[in-house]
Amino acid sequence: MGTASYFNARVSIQDLIAPAKSVGAHLAAKLDCFFSDERTLTDELCDMFCIWLAVEISARRFIPALTFDLRLAKTTPAEESECGADLELIVGSPLGIKRCLLQAKVVDPQSLRLRYDSKKGWKKLRQQLKDARNEVGDLAYLLVYVPARLLDRQQFGFGSYEQAFSATAPTTHKESYFGATVIPVSELLGPTGRWRSTKYKVRREPDGSFKGEIPFWRFLLELFLCWQGKWSDSEAPLTDERFPPFRRFVMTASGISVTEWSEMQTLADQFLAQRNTERG
C-alpha cells in the first residue's frame, strides 16, 4: 500500500507565498549539499510546503478578509510508476478543477547540466513530456530543480539545515526560490511533439535562466487564480489510472463563494502584474 498525508486549514492566498518561496530555496540547498535525485526532491517539495504553511498560518498576526478552507493531500504509491509523471498536482476551487502532470529533472551540481544529458536521456524526456501533454494538454510541465550554487542563496521566511550548510557567498542575483522551477511543455515541444530547439532542448539563457521558466511559488498562484490552464467541471474524474504518477498532491479550496473567489483572483492578477513590472 502507498502512504498518504493530509493538511487542513483556513488560509488566504497570501499565506501560500512565503512557504512556496521557502520550498524553492530549501530544495536548491538540499540539491547542492546532497546531490539528491528528482523524486526525493519532489517528495520534499510536498512535505515542506505543508509544514511551512502550517507555521505561516500559526504565526500570522491578523486574518485577511478573503480566506478559504484548504485541504492538502499527498499520496506516494508503494511502487514507482514507469509510465506516470513524477508529480500529479490537482487543484480544486469553486470554479472547478485543474489536473497537472509534472516531469521532474535535476540540474547536476557538478556538471551544471541536466542529469542524463545524453541522446537516450533526451529521447526519453521528450516522450515523457509528449505523453503528459497528450494527457492533460497545456497543464503539462517540466519541473526543474536548480542547485543553490547557481542562485543567490537568499532565505524566504523559513530556513533549514541545508540552507545554513550551503551558505557561501552568492555568485548571482537570481533568487533562490528558482530552486524549484516550472516550464510549460508548450515552451519545449512544438505541436508535433518535436523539440522546439533541437540544439538546446531545454534552452538556457546567458544569465542561467530557462526559457519560459516560472518559479514554483508563482506557478502555484497562477494555477490557483489566473494564468495557468482552465478550470474543468468539478464532477469530472480527478485522475486517470492509465498514467499513475509517482506522487499525487491534491490542493482543494472550499468554503468561499464564486464571487469572493473572483474578487481574490482580481487582486492576484494585479499583484502578479506588478511583479512582472518589477522584474522587467
C-alpha atoms as a PDB file:
ATOM      1  CA  MET A   1       0.000   0.000   0.000  1.00  0.00           C
ATOM      2  CA  GLY A   2       1.020   3.590  -0.555  1.00  0.00           C
ATOM      3  CA  THR A   3       1.402   6.268   2.087  1.00  0.00           C
ATOM      4  CA  ALA A   4      -0.678   9.415   2.473  1.00  0.00           C
ATOM      5  CA  SER A   5      -0.562  12.641   4.500  1.00  0.00           C
ATOM      6  CA  TYR A   6      -3.116  15.435   4.920  1.00  0.00           C
ATOM      7  CA  PHE A   7      -3.317  19.084   5.940  1.00  0.00           C
ATOM      8  CA  ASN A   8      -6.414  21.233   6.563  1.00  0.00           C
ATOM      9  CA  ALA A   9      -6.586  24.937   7.441  1.00  0.00           C
ATOM     10  CA  ARG A  10      -8.330  28.245   6.817  1.00  0.00           C
ATOM     11  CA  VAL A  11      -5.937  30.249   4.649  1.00  0.00           C
ATOM     12  CA  SER A  12      -5.604  33.253   2.381  1.00  0.00           C
ATOM     13  CA  ILE A  13      -3.839  33.273  -0.954  1.00  0.00           C
ATOM     14  CA  GLN A  14      -1.088  35.398   0.628  1.00  0.00           C
ATOM     15  CA  ASP A  15      -0.353  32.601   3.104  1.00  0.00           C
ATOM     16  CA  LEU A  16       0.876  30.389   0.256  1.00  0.00           C
ATOM     17  CA  ILE A  17       3.651  32.712  -0.932  1.00  0.00           C
ATOM     18  CA  ALA A  18       6.313  32.517   1.809  1.00  0.00           C
ATOM     19  CA  PRO A  19       6.124  28.713   2.222  1.00  0.00           C
ATOM     20  CA  ALA A  20       6.262  28.182  -1.549  1.00  0.00           C
ATOM     21  CA  LYS A  21       9.246  30.526  -1.934  1.00  0.00           C
ATOM     22  CA  SER A  22      10.995  28.863   1.002  1.00  0.00           C
ATOM     23  CA  VAL A  23      10.476  25.429  -0.545  1.00  0.00           C
ATOM     24  CA  GLY A  24      12.326  26.523  -3.680  1.00  0.00           C
ATOM     25  CA  ALA A  25      15.242  27.881  -1.651  1.00  0.00           C
ATOM     26  CA  HIS A  26      15.352  24.774   0.544  1.00  0.00           C
ATOM     27  CA  LEU A  27      15.377  22.375  -2.401  1.00  0.00           C
ATOM     28  CA  ALA A  28      18.180  24.329  -4.059  1.00  0.00           C
ATOM     29  CA  ALA A  29      20.280  23.980  -0.904  1.00  0.00           C
ATOM     30  CA  LYS A  30      19.404  20.298  -0.438  1.00  0.00           C
ATOM     31  CA  LEU A  31      20.414  19.540  -4.010  1.00  0.00           C
ATOM     32  CA  ASP A  32      23.631  21.500  -3.548  1.00  0.00           C
ATOM     33  CA  CYS A  33      24.559  19.647  -0.348  1.00  0.00           C
ATOM     34  CA  PHE A  34      23.455  16.105  -1.065  1.00  0.00           C
ATOM     35  CA  PHE A  35      23.094  15.774  -4.864  1.00  0.00           C
ATOM     36  CA  SER A  36      19.542  14.484  -4.281  1.00  0.00           C
ATOM     37  CA  ASP A  37      17.507  12.865  -7.047  1.00  0.00           C
ATOM     38  CA  GLU A  38      14.291  14.115  -8.635  1.00  0.00           C
ATOM     39  CA  ARG A  39      11.893  12.004  -6.641  1.00  0.00           C
ATOM     40  CA  THR A  40      13.482  12.726  -3.270  1.00  0.00           C
ATOM     41  CA  LEU A  41      13.229  16.448  -4.016  1.00  0.00           C
ATOM     42  CA  THR A  42       9.641  16.138  -5.241  1.00  0.00           C
ATOM     43  CA  ASP A  43       8.655  14.360  -2.032  1.00  0.00           C
ATOM     44  CA  GLU A  44      10.382  17.102  -0.053  1.00  0.00           C
ATOM     45  CA  LEU A  45       8.545  19.795  -2.025  1.00  0.00           C
ATOM     46  CA  CYS A  46       5.172  18.408  -0.969  1.00  0.00           C
ATOM     47  CA  ASP A  47       6.136  17.761   2.660  1.00  0.00           C
ATOM     48  CA  MET A  48       7.919  21.039   3.381  1.00  0.00           C
ATOM     49  CA  PHE A  49       5.183  23.098   1.773  1.00  0.00           C
ATOM     50  CA  CYS A  50       2.641  21.534   4.156  1.00  0.00           C
ATOM     51  CA  ILE A  51       4.903  22.001   7.193  1.00  0.00           C
ATOM     52  CA  TRP A  52       5.787  25.615   6.480  1.00  0.00           C
ATOM     53  CA  LEU A  53       2.244  26.561   5.517  1.00  0.00           C
ATOM     54  CA  ALA A  54       1.108  25.388   8.962  1.00  0.00           C
ATOM     55  CA  VAL A  55       3.830  27.506  10.582  1.00  0.00           C
ATOM     56  CA  GLU A  56       2.940  30.520   8.443  1.00  0.00           C
ATOM     57  CA  ILE A  57      -0.712  30.350   9.481  1.00  0.00           C
ATOM     58  CA  SER A  58       0.024  29.951  13.190  1.00  0.00           C
ATOM     59  CA  ALA A  59       2.422  32.922  13.162  1.00  0.00           C
ATOM     60  CA  ARG A  60       0.295  35.473  11.302  1.00  0.00           C
ATOM     61  CA  ARG A  61      -0.913  38.493  13.279  1.00  0.00           C
ATOM     62  CA  PHE A  62      -4.234  39.048  11.520  1.00  0.00           C
ATOM     63  CA  ILE A  63      -6.611  37.144   9.278  1.00  0.00           C
ATOM     64  CA  PRO A  64      -7.046  38.626   5.770  1.00  0.00           C
ATOM     65  CA  ALA A  65     -10.544  39.464   4.573  1.00  0.00           C
ATOM     66  CA  LEU A  66     -10.672  36.804   1.854  1.00  0.00           C
ATOM     67  CA  THR A  67      -9.931  33.311   3.160  1.00  0.00           C
ATOM     68  CA  PHE A  68     -10.890  29.774   2.210  1.00  0.00           C
ATOM     69  CA  ASP A  69     -10.635  26.234   3.552  1.00  0.00           C
ATOM     70  CA  LEU A  70      -7.611  24.487   2.058  1.00  0.00           C
ATOM     71  CA  ARG A  71      -7.136  20.732   2.142  1.00  0.00           C
ATOM     72  CA  LEU A  72      -3.856  19.264   1.009  1.00  0.00           C
ATOM     73  CA  ALA A  73      -3.447  15.532   0.417  1.00  0.00           C
ATOM     74  CA  LYS A  74      -0.192  13.890  -0.663  1.00  0.00           C
ATOM     75  CA  THR A  75      -0.106  10.284  -1.770  1.00  0.00           C
ATOM     76  CA  THR A  76       3.018   8.258  -2.515  1.00  0.00           C
ATOM     77  CA  PRO A  77       2.398   4.858  -4.173  1.00  0.00           C
ATOM     78  CA  ALA A  78       4.114   1.793  -2.778  1.00  0.00           C
ATOM     79  CA  GLU A  79       5.799   1.143  -6.114  1.00  0.00           C
ATOM     80  CA  GLU A  80       7.306   3.560  -8.587  1.00  0.00           C
ATOM     81  CA  SER A  81       5.437   4.031 -11.845  1.00  0.00           C
ATOM     82  CA  GLU A  82       7.375   3.830 -15.081  1.00  0.00           C
ATOM     83  CA  CYS A  83       4.700   5.461 -17.241  1.00  0.00           C
ATOM     84  CA  GLY A  84       3.493   8.233 -14.930  1.00  0.00           C
ATOM     85  CA  ALA A  85       4.855  11.702 -14.236  1.00  0.00           C
ATOM     86  CA  ASP A  86       6.942  12.415 -11.143  1.00  0.00           C
ATOM     87  CA  LEU A  87       4.153  14.595  -9.743  1.00  0.00           C
ATOM     88  CA  GLU A  88       0.457  14.883 -10.420  1.00  0.00           C
ATOM     89  CA  LEU A  89      -0.809  18.192  -8.996  1.00  0.00           C
ATOM     90  CA  ILE A  90      -4.567  18.588  -8.737  1.00  0.00           C
ATOM     91  CA  VAL A  91      -6.029  21.958  -7.762  1.00  0.00           C
ATOM     92  CA  GLY A  92      -9.691  22.454  -6.917  1.00  0.00           C
ATOM     93  CA  SER A  93     -11.686  25.652  -6.342  1.00  0.00           C
ATOM     94  CA  PRO A  94     -15.323  26.836  -6.529  1.00  0.00           C
ATOM     95  CA  LEU A  95     -14.747  27.206 -10.292  1.00  0.00           C
ATOM     96  CA  GLY A  96     -13.769  23.573 -10.932  1.00  0.00           C
ATOM     97  CA  ILE A  97     -10.539  21.571 -11.049  1.00  0.00           C
ATOM     98  CA  LYS A  98      -7.184  21.587 -12.834  1.00  0.00           C
ATOM     99  CA  ARG A  99      -5.094  18.443 -13.234  1.00  0.00           C
ATOM    100  CA  CYS A 100      -1.392  18.940 -13.960  1.00  0.00           C
ATOM    101  CA  LEU A 101       1.349  16.449 -14.745  1.00  0.00           C
ATOM    102  CA  LEU A 102       4.942  17.444 -13.964  1.00  0.00           C
ATOM    103  CA  GLN A 103       8.046  15.563 -15.061  1.00  0.00           C
ATOM    104  CA  ALA A 104      10.986  16.442 -12.804  1.00  0.00           C
ATOM    105  CA  LYS A 105      14.641  16.883 -13.785  1.00  0.00           C
ATOM    106  CA  VAL A 106      17.709  17.965 -11.817  1.00  0.00           C
ATOM    107  CA  VAL A 107      20.486  20.370 -12.768  1.00  0.00           C
ATOM    108  CA  ASP A 108      23.519  18.431 -11.573  1.00  0.00           C
ATOM    109  CA  PRO A 109      25.576  20.478  -9.055  1.00  0.00           C
ATOM    110  CA  GLN A 110      28.852  19.293 -10.600  1.00  0.00           C
ATOM    111  CA  SER A 111      28.288  19.433 -14.341  1.00  0.00           C
ATOM    112  CA  LEU A 112      25.645  22.217 -14.078  1.00  0.00           C
ATOM    113  CA  ARG A 113      23.751  20.427 -16.841  1.00  0.00           C
ATOM    114  CA  LEU A 114      20.515  18.481 -16.670  1.00  0.00           C
ATOM    115  CA  ARG A 115      21.164  14.943 -15.472  1.00  0.00           C
ATOM    116  CA  TYR A 116      21.039  12.210 -18.100  1.00  0.00           C
ATOM    117  CA  ASP A 117      22.215  14.720 -20.719  1.00  0.00           C
ATOM    118  CA  SER A 118      22.563  12.104 -23.452  1.00  0.00           C
ATOM    119  CA  LYS A 119      20.845  11.133 -26.682  1.00  0.00           C
ATOM    120  CA  LYS A 120      18.966   8.368 -24.854  1.00  0.00           C
ATOM    121  CA  GLY A 121      18.085  10.676 -21.950  1.00  0.00           C
ATOM    122  CA  TRP A 122      16.697  13.418 -24.185  1.00  0.00           C
ATOM    123  CA  LYS A 123      14.688  10.903 -26.193  1.00  0.00           C
ATOM    124  CA  LYS A 124      13.118   9.527 -23.016  1.00  0.00           C
ATOM    125  CA  LEU A 125      12.354  13.012 -21.640  1.00  0.00           C
ATOM    126  CA  ARG A 126      10.746  14.125 -24.897  1.00  0.00           C
ATOM    127  CA  GLN A 127       8.453  11.085 -24.859  1.00  0.00           C
ATOM    128  CA  GLN A 128       7.552  11.690 -21.203  1.00  0.00           C
ATOM    129  CA  LEU A 129       6.675  15.321 -21.898  1.00  0.00           C
ATOM    130  CA  LYS A 130       4.762  14.371 -25.024  1.00  0.00           C
ATOM    131  CA  ASP A 131       2.747  11.757 -23.112  1.00  0.00           C
ATOM    132  CA  ALA A 132       1.986  14.248 -20.338  1.00  0.00           C
ATOM    133  CA  ARG A 133       0.745  16.850 -22.814  1.00  0.00           C
ATOM    134  CA  ASN A 134      -1.381  14.276 -24.618  1.00  0.00           C
ATOM    135  CA  GLU A 135      -2.971  13.503 -21.272  1.00  0.00           C
ATOM    136  CA  VAL A 136      -3.583  16.993 -19.781  1.00  0.00           C
ATOM    137  CA  GLY A 137      -2.960  19.468 -22.610  1.00  0.00           C
ATOM    138  CA  ASP A 138      -1.494  22.811 -21.545  1.00  0.00           C
ATOM    139  CA  LEU A 139      -1.307  21.654 -17.911  1.00  0.00           C
ATOM    140  CA  ALA A 140       1.799  19.548 -18.646  1.00  0.00           C
ATOM    141  CA  TYR A 141       5.096  20.863 -17.274  1.00  0.00           C
ATOM    142  CA  LEU A 142       8.764  20.168 -16.747  1.00  0.00           C
ATOM    143  CA  LEU A 143       9.789  20.713 -13.114  1.00  0.00           C
ATOM    144  CA  VAL A 144      13.494  21.591 -12.849  1.00  0.00           C
ATOM    145  CA  TYR A 145      15.461  21.550  -9.587  1.00  0.00           C
ATOM    146  CA  VAL A 146      18.358  24.022  -9.604  1.00  0.00           C
ATOM    147  CA  PRO A 147      21.282  23.841  -7.120  1.00  0.00           C
ATOM    148  CA  ALA A 148      21.965  26.732  -4.750  1.00  0.00           C
ATOM    149  CA  ARG A 149      25.365  27.470  -6.291  1.00  0.00           C
ATOM    150  CA  LEU A 150      23.543  28.890  -9.327  1.00  0.00           C
ATOM    151  CA  LEU A 151      21.312  31.113  -7.161  1.00  0.00           C
ATOM    152  CA  ASP A 152      21.638  33.881  -4.561  1.00  0.00           C
ATOM    153  CA  ARG A 153      21.038  31.594  -1.503  1.00  0.00           C
ATOM    154  CA  GLN A 154      18.526  34.023  -0.003  1.00  0.00           C
ATOM    155  CA  GLN A 155      16.046  32.671   2.576  1.00  0.00           C
ATOM    156  CA  PHE A 156      12.345  33.490   2.302  1.00  0.00           C
ATOM    157  CA  GLY A 157      10.750  33.281   5.709  1.00  0.00           C
ATOM    158  CA  PHE A 158      11.829  29.749   6.608  1.00  0.00           C
ATOM    159  CA  GLY A 159      15.339  28.449   6.903  1.00  0.00           C
ATOM    160  CA  SER A 160      16.596  24.876   7.065  1.00  0.00           C
ATOM    161  CA  TYR A 161      19.729  22.982   7.968  1.00  0.00           C
ATOM    162  CA  GLU A 162      20.605  22.559   4.321  1.00  0.00           C
ATOM    163  CA  GLN A 163      20.377  26.300   3.644  1.00  0.00           C
ATOM    164  CA  ALA A 164      22.699  27.113   6.535  1.00  0.00           C
ATOM    165  CA  PHE A 165      25.093  24.374   5.490  1.00  0.00           C
ATOM    166  CA  SER A 166      25.395  25.719   1.964  1.00  0.00           C
ATOM    167  CA  ALA A 167      25.582  29.388   2.988  1.00  0.00           C
ATOM    168  CA  THR A 168      28.513  30.712   0.961  1.00  0.00           C
ATOM    169  CA  ALA A 169      28.844  33.951  -0.960  1.00  0.00           C
ATOM    170  CA  PRO A 170      26.328  34.074  -3.839  1.00  0.00           C
ATOM    171  CA  THR A 171      27.668  34.283  -7.370  1.00  0.00           C
ATOM    172  CA  THR A 172      24.418  35.516  -8.921  1.00  0.00           C
ATOM    173  CA  HIS A 173      21.438  37.753  -8.231  1.00  0.00           C
ATOM    174  CA  LYS A 174      18.954  35.078  -9.332  1.00  0.00           C
ATOM    175  CA  GLU A 175      16.539  34.439  -6.456  1.00  0.00           C
ATOM    176  CA  SER A 176      16.967  31.168  -4.574  1.00  0.00           C
ATOM    177  CA  TYR A 177      13.279  30.332  -4.911  1.00  0.00           C
ATOM    178  CA  PHE A 178      14.121  29.343  -8.501  1.00  0.00           C
ATOM    179  CA  GLY A 179      15.420  26.149  -6.880  1.00  0.00           C
ATOM    180  CA  ALA A 180      12.052  24.769  -7.969  1.00  0.00           C
ATOM    181  CA  THR A 181      11.364  25.995 -11.499  1.00  0.00           C
ATOM    182  CA  VAL A 182       8.402  25.065 -13.704  1.00  0.00           C
ATOM    183  CA  ILE A 183       8.435  25.207 -17.530  1.00  0.00           C
ATOM    184  CA  PRO A 184       5.303  24.598 -19.634  1.00  0.00           C
ATOM    185  CA  VAL A 185       5.771  21.711 -22.061  1.00  0.00           C
ATOM    186  CA  SER A 186       4.431  24.000 -24.804  1.00  0.00           C
ATOM    187  CA  GLU A 187       7.642  26.044 -24.397  1.00  0.00           C
ATOM    188  CA  LEU A 188       9.729  22.948 -25.108  1.00  0.00           C
ATOM    189  CA  LEU A 189       7.805  20.889 -27.659  1.00  0.00           C
ATOM    190  CA  GLY A 190       6.097  22.012 -30.849  1.00  0.00           C
ATOM    191  CA  PRO A 191       2.630  20.849 -31.974  1.00  0.00           C
ATOM    192  CA  THR A 192       4.019  17.592 -33.417  1.00  0.00           C
ATOM    193  CA  GLY A 193       5.878  16.702 -30.224  1.00  0.00           C
ATOM    194  CA  ARG A 194       9.352  17.575 -31.515  1.00  0.00           C
ATOM    195  CA  TRP A 195      11.781  19.768 -29.612  1.00  0.00           C
ATOM    196  CA  ARG A 196      11.331  23.428 -30.487  1.00  0.00           C
ATOM    197  CA  SER A 197      15.117  23.701 -30.317  1.00  0.00           C
ATOM    198  CA  THR A 198      16.927  20.528 -31.382  1.00  0.00           C
ATOM    199  CA  LYS A 199      20.214  22.130 -30.319  1.00  0.00           C
ATOM    200  CA  TYR A 200      19.283  23.228 -26.787  1.00  0.00           C
ATOM    201  CA  LYS A 201      16.262  21.011 -25.951  1.00  0.00           C
ATOM    202  CA  VAL A 202      15.635  22.837 -22.631  1.00  0.00           C
ATOM    203  CA  ARG A 203      17.053  26.231 -23.525  1.00  0.00           C
ATOM    204  CA  ARG A 204      19.217  28.212 -21.067  1.00  0.00           C
ATOM    205  CA  GLU A 205      19.624  31.961 -21.433  1.00  0.00           C
ATOM    206  CA  PRO A 206      23.036  33.681 -20.923  1.00  0.00           C
ATOM    207  CA  ASP A 207      22.087  34.601 -17.333  1.00  0.00           C
ATOM    208  CA  GLY A 208      21.345  30.948 -16.484  1.00  0.00           C
ATOM    209  CA  SER A 209      17.561  31.261 -16.711  1.00  0.00           C
ATOM    210  CA  PHE A 210      15.484  28.679 -18.537  1.00  0.00           C
ATOM    211  CA  LYS A 211      13.392  29.944 -21.418  1.00  0.00           C
ATOM    212  CA  GLY A 212       9.758  30.121 -20.272  1.00  0.00           C
ATOM    213  CA  GLU A 213      10.562  29.374 -16.620  1.00  0.00           C
ATOM    214  CA  ILE A 214       8.179  30.122 -13.740  1.00  0.00           C
ATOM    215  CA  PRO A 215       9.288  29.842 -10.086  1.00  0.00           C
ATOM    216  CA  PHE A 216       7.202  27.322  -8.161  1.00  0.00           C
ATOM    217  CA  TRP A 217       5.632  29.916  -5.826  1.00  0.00           C
ATOM    218  CA  ARG A 218       4.336  31.936  -8.739  1.00  0.00           C
ATOM    219  CA  PHE A 219       3.232  28.859 -10.668  1.00  0.00           C
ATOM    220  CA  LEU A 220       1.099  27.888  -7.688  1.00  0.00           C
ATOM    221  CA  LEU A 221      -0.613  31.291  -7.592  1.00  0.00           C
ATOM    222  CA  GLU A 222      -1.133  31.352 -11.346  1.00  0.00           C
ATOM    223  CA  LEU A 223      -2.577  27.856 -11.257  1.00  0.00           C
ATOM    224  CA  PHE A 224      -4.991  28.682  -8.455  1.00  0.00           C
ATOM    225  CA  LEU A 225      -6.151  32.056  -9.634  1.00  0.00           C
ATOM    226  CA  CYS A 226      -5.406  33.283 -13.104  1.00  0.00           C
ATOM    227  CA  TRP A 227      -2.833  32.496 -15.757  1.00  0.00           C
ATOM    228  CA  GLN A 228      -2.233  28.727 -15.950  1.00  0.00           C
ATOM    229  CA  GLY A 229      -4.789  26.421 -17.549  1.00  0.00           C
ATOM    230  CA  LYS A 230      -8.575  26.423 -17.490  1.00  0.00           C
ATOM    231  CA  TRP A 231     -10.973  25.111 -14.870  1.00  0.00           C
ATOM    232  CA  SER A 232     -12.827  21.954 -15.817  1.00  0.00           C
ATOM    233  CA  ASP A 233     -16.083  20.509 -14.493  1.00  0.00           C
ATOM    234  CA  SER A 234     -15.674  19.635 -10.811  1.00  0.00           C
ATOM    235  CA  GLU A 235     -17.655  16.451 -11.442  1.00  0.00           C
ATOM    236  CA  ALA A 236     -15.027  15.152 -13.866  1.00  0.00           C
ATOM    237  CA  PRO A 237     -12.722  12.365 -12.578  1.00  0.00           C
ATOM    238  CA  LEU A 238      -9.593  13.690 -10.876  1.00  0.00           C
ATOM    239  CA  THR A 239      -7.217  11.034 -12.103  1.00  0.00           C
ATOM    240  CA  ASP A 240      -6.559   8.700 -14.986  1.00  0.00           C
ATOM    241  CA  GLU A 241      -5.248   5.397 -13.661  1.00  0.00           C
ATOM    242  CA  ARG A 242      -3.645   4.586 -17.012  1.00  0.00           C
ATOM    243  CA  PHE A 243      -0.976   7.136 -16.085  1.00  0.00           C
ATOM    244  CA  PRO A 244      -0.418   6.768 -12.331  1.00  0.00           C
ATOM    245  CA  PRO A 245       2.073   9.352 -11.007  1.00  0.00           C
ATOM    246  CA  PHE A 246       4.897   8.655  -8.591  1.00  0.00           C
ATOM    247  CA  ARG A 247       3.391  11.278  -6.271  1.00  0.00           C
ATOM    248  CA  ARG A 248      -0.026  12.887  -6.188  1.00  0.00           C
ATOM    249  CA  PHE A 249      -0.582  16.242  -4.465  1.00  0.00           C
ATOM    250  CA  VAL A 250      -4.173  17.483  -4.226  1.00  0.00           C
ATOM    251  CA  MET A 251      -4.975  21.063  -3.149  1.00  0.00           C
ATOM    252  CA  THR A 252      -8.675  21.743  -2.679  1.00  0.00           C
ATOM    253  CA  ALA A 253     -10.090  25.186  -1.832  1.00  0.00           C
ATOM    254  CA  SER A 254     -13.641  25.420  -0.468  1.00  0.00           C
ATOM    255  CA  GLY A 255     -15.708  27.496   1.943  1.00  0.00           C
ATOM    256  CA  ILE A 256     -15.624  30.567  -0.311  1.00  0.00           C
ATOM    257  CA  SER A 257     -18.208  31.823  -2.803  1.00  0.00           C
ATOM    258  CA  VAL A 258     -17.592  32.150  -6.531  1.00  0.00           C
ATOM    259  CA  THR A 259     -17.949  35.941  -6.169  1.00  0.00           C
ATOM    260  CA  GLU A 260     -15.322  36.096  -3.417  1.00  0.00           C
ATOM    261  CA  TRP A 261     -13.018  33.803  -5.389  1.00  0.00           C
ATOM    262  CA  SER A 262     -13.335  36.086  -8.423  1.00  0.00           C
ATOM    263  CA  GLU A 263     -12.521  39.087  -6.240  1.00  0.00           C
ATOM    264  CA  MET A 264      -9.438  37.314  -4.911  1.00  0.00           C
ATOM    265  CA  GLN A 265      -8.424  36.440  -8.452  1.00  0.00           C
ATOM    266  CA  THR A 266      -8.614  40.107  -9.498  1.00  0.00           C
ATOM    267  CA  LEU A 267      -6.331  41.097  -6.610  1.00  0.00           C
ATOM    268  CA  ALA A 268      -3.892  38.327  -7.508  1.00  0.00           C
ATOM    269  CA  ASP A 269      -3.860  39.468 -11.141  1.00  0.00           C
ATOM    270  CA  GLN A 270      -2.834  42.938 -10.002  1.00  0.00           C
ATOM    271  CA  PHE A 271      -0.127  41.546  -7.706  1.00  0.00           C
ATOM    272  CA  LEU A 272       1.405  39.287 -10.361  1.00  0.00           C
ATOM    273  CA  ALA A 273       1.249  42.031 -12.993  1.00  0.00           C
ATOM    274  CA  GLN A 274       3.125  44.328 -10.593  1.00  0.00           C
ATOM    275  CA  ARG A 275       5.800  41.672 -10.097  1.00  0.00           C
ATOM    276  CA  ASN A 276       6.170  41.436 -13.880  1.00  0.00           C
ATOM    277  CA  THR A 277       6.784  45.199 -13.977  1.00  0.00           C
ATOM    278  CA  GLU A 278       9.358  44.991 -11.186  1.00  0.00           C
ATOM    279  CA  ARG A 279      11.286  42.228 -12.957  1.00  0.00           C
ATOM    280  CA  GLY A 280      11.027  43.932 -16.336  1.00  0.00           C
END
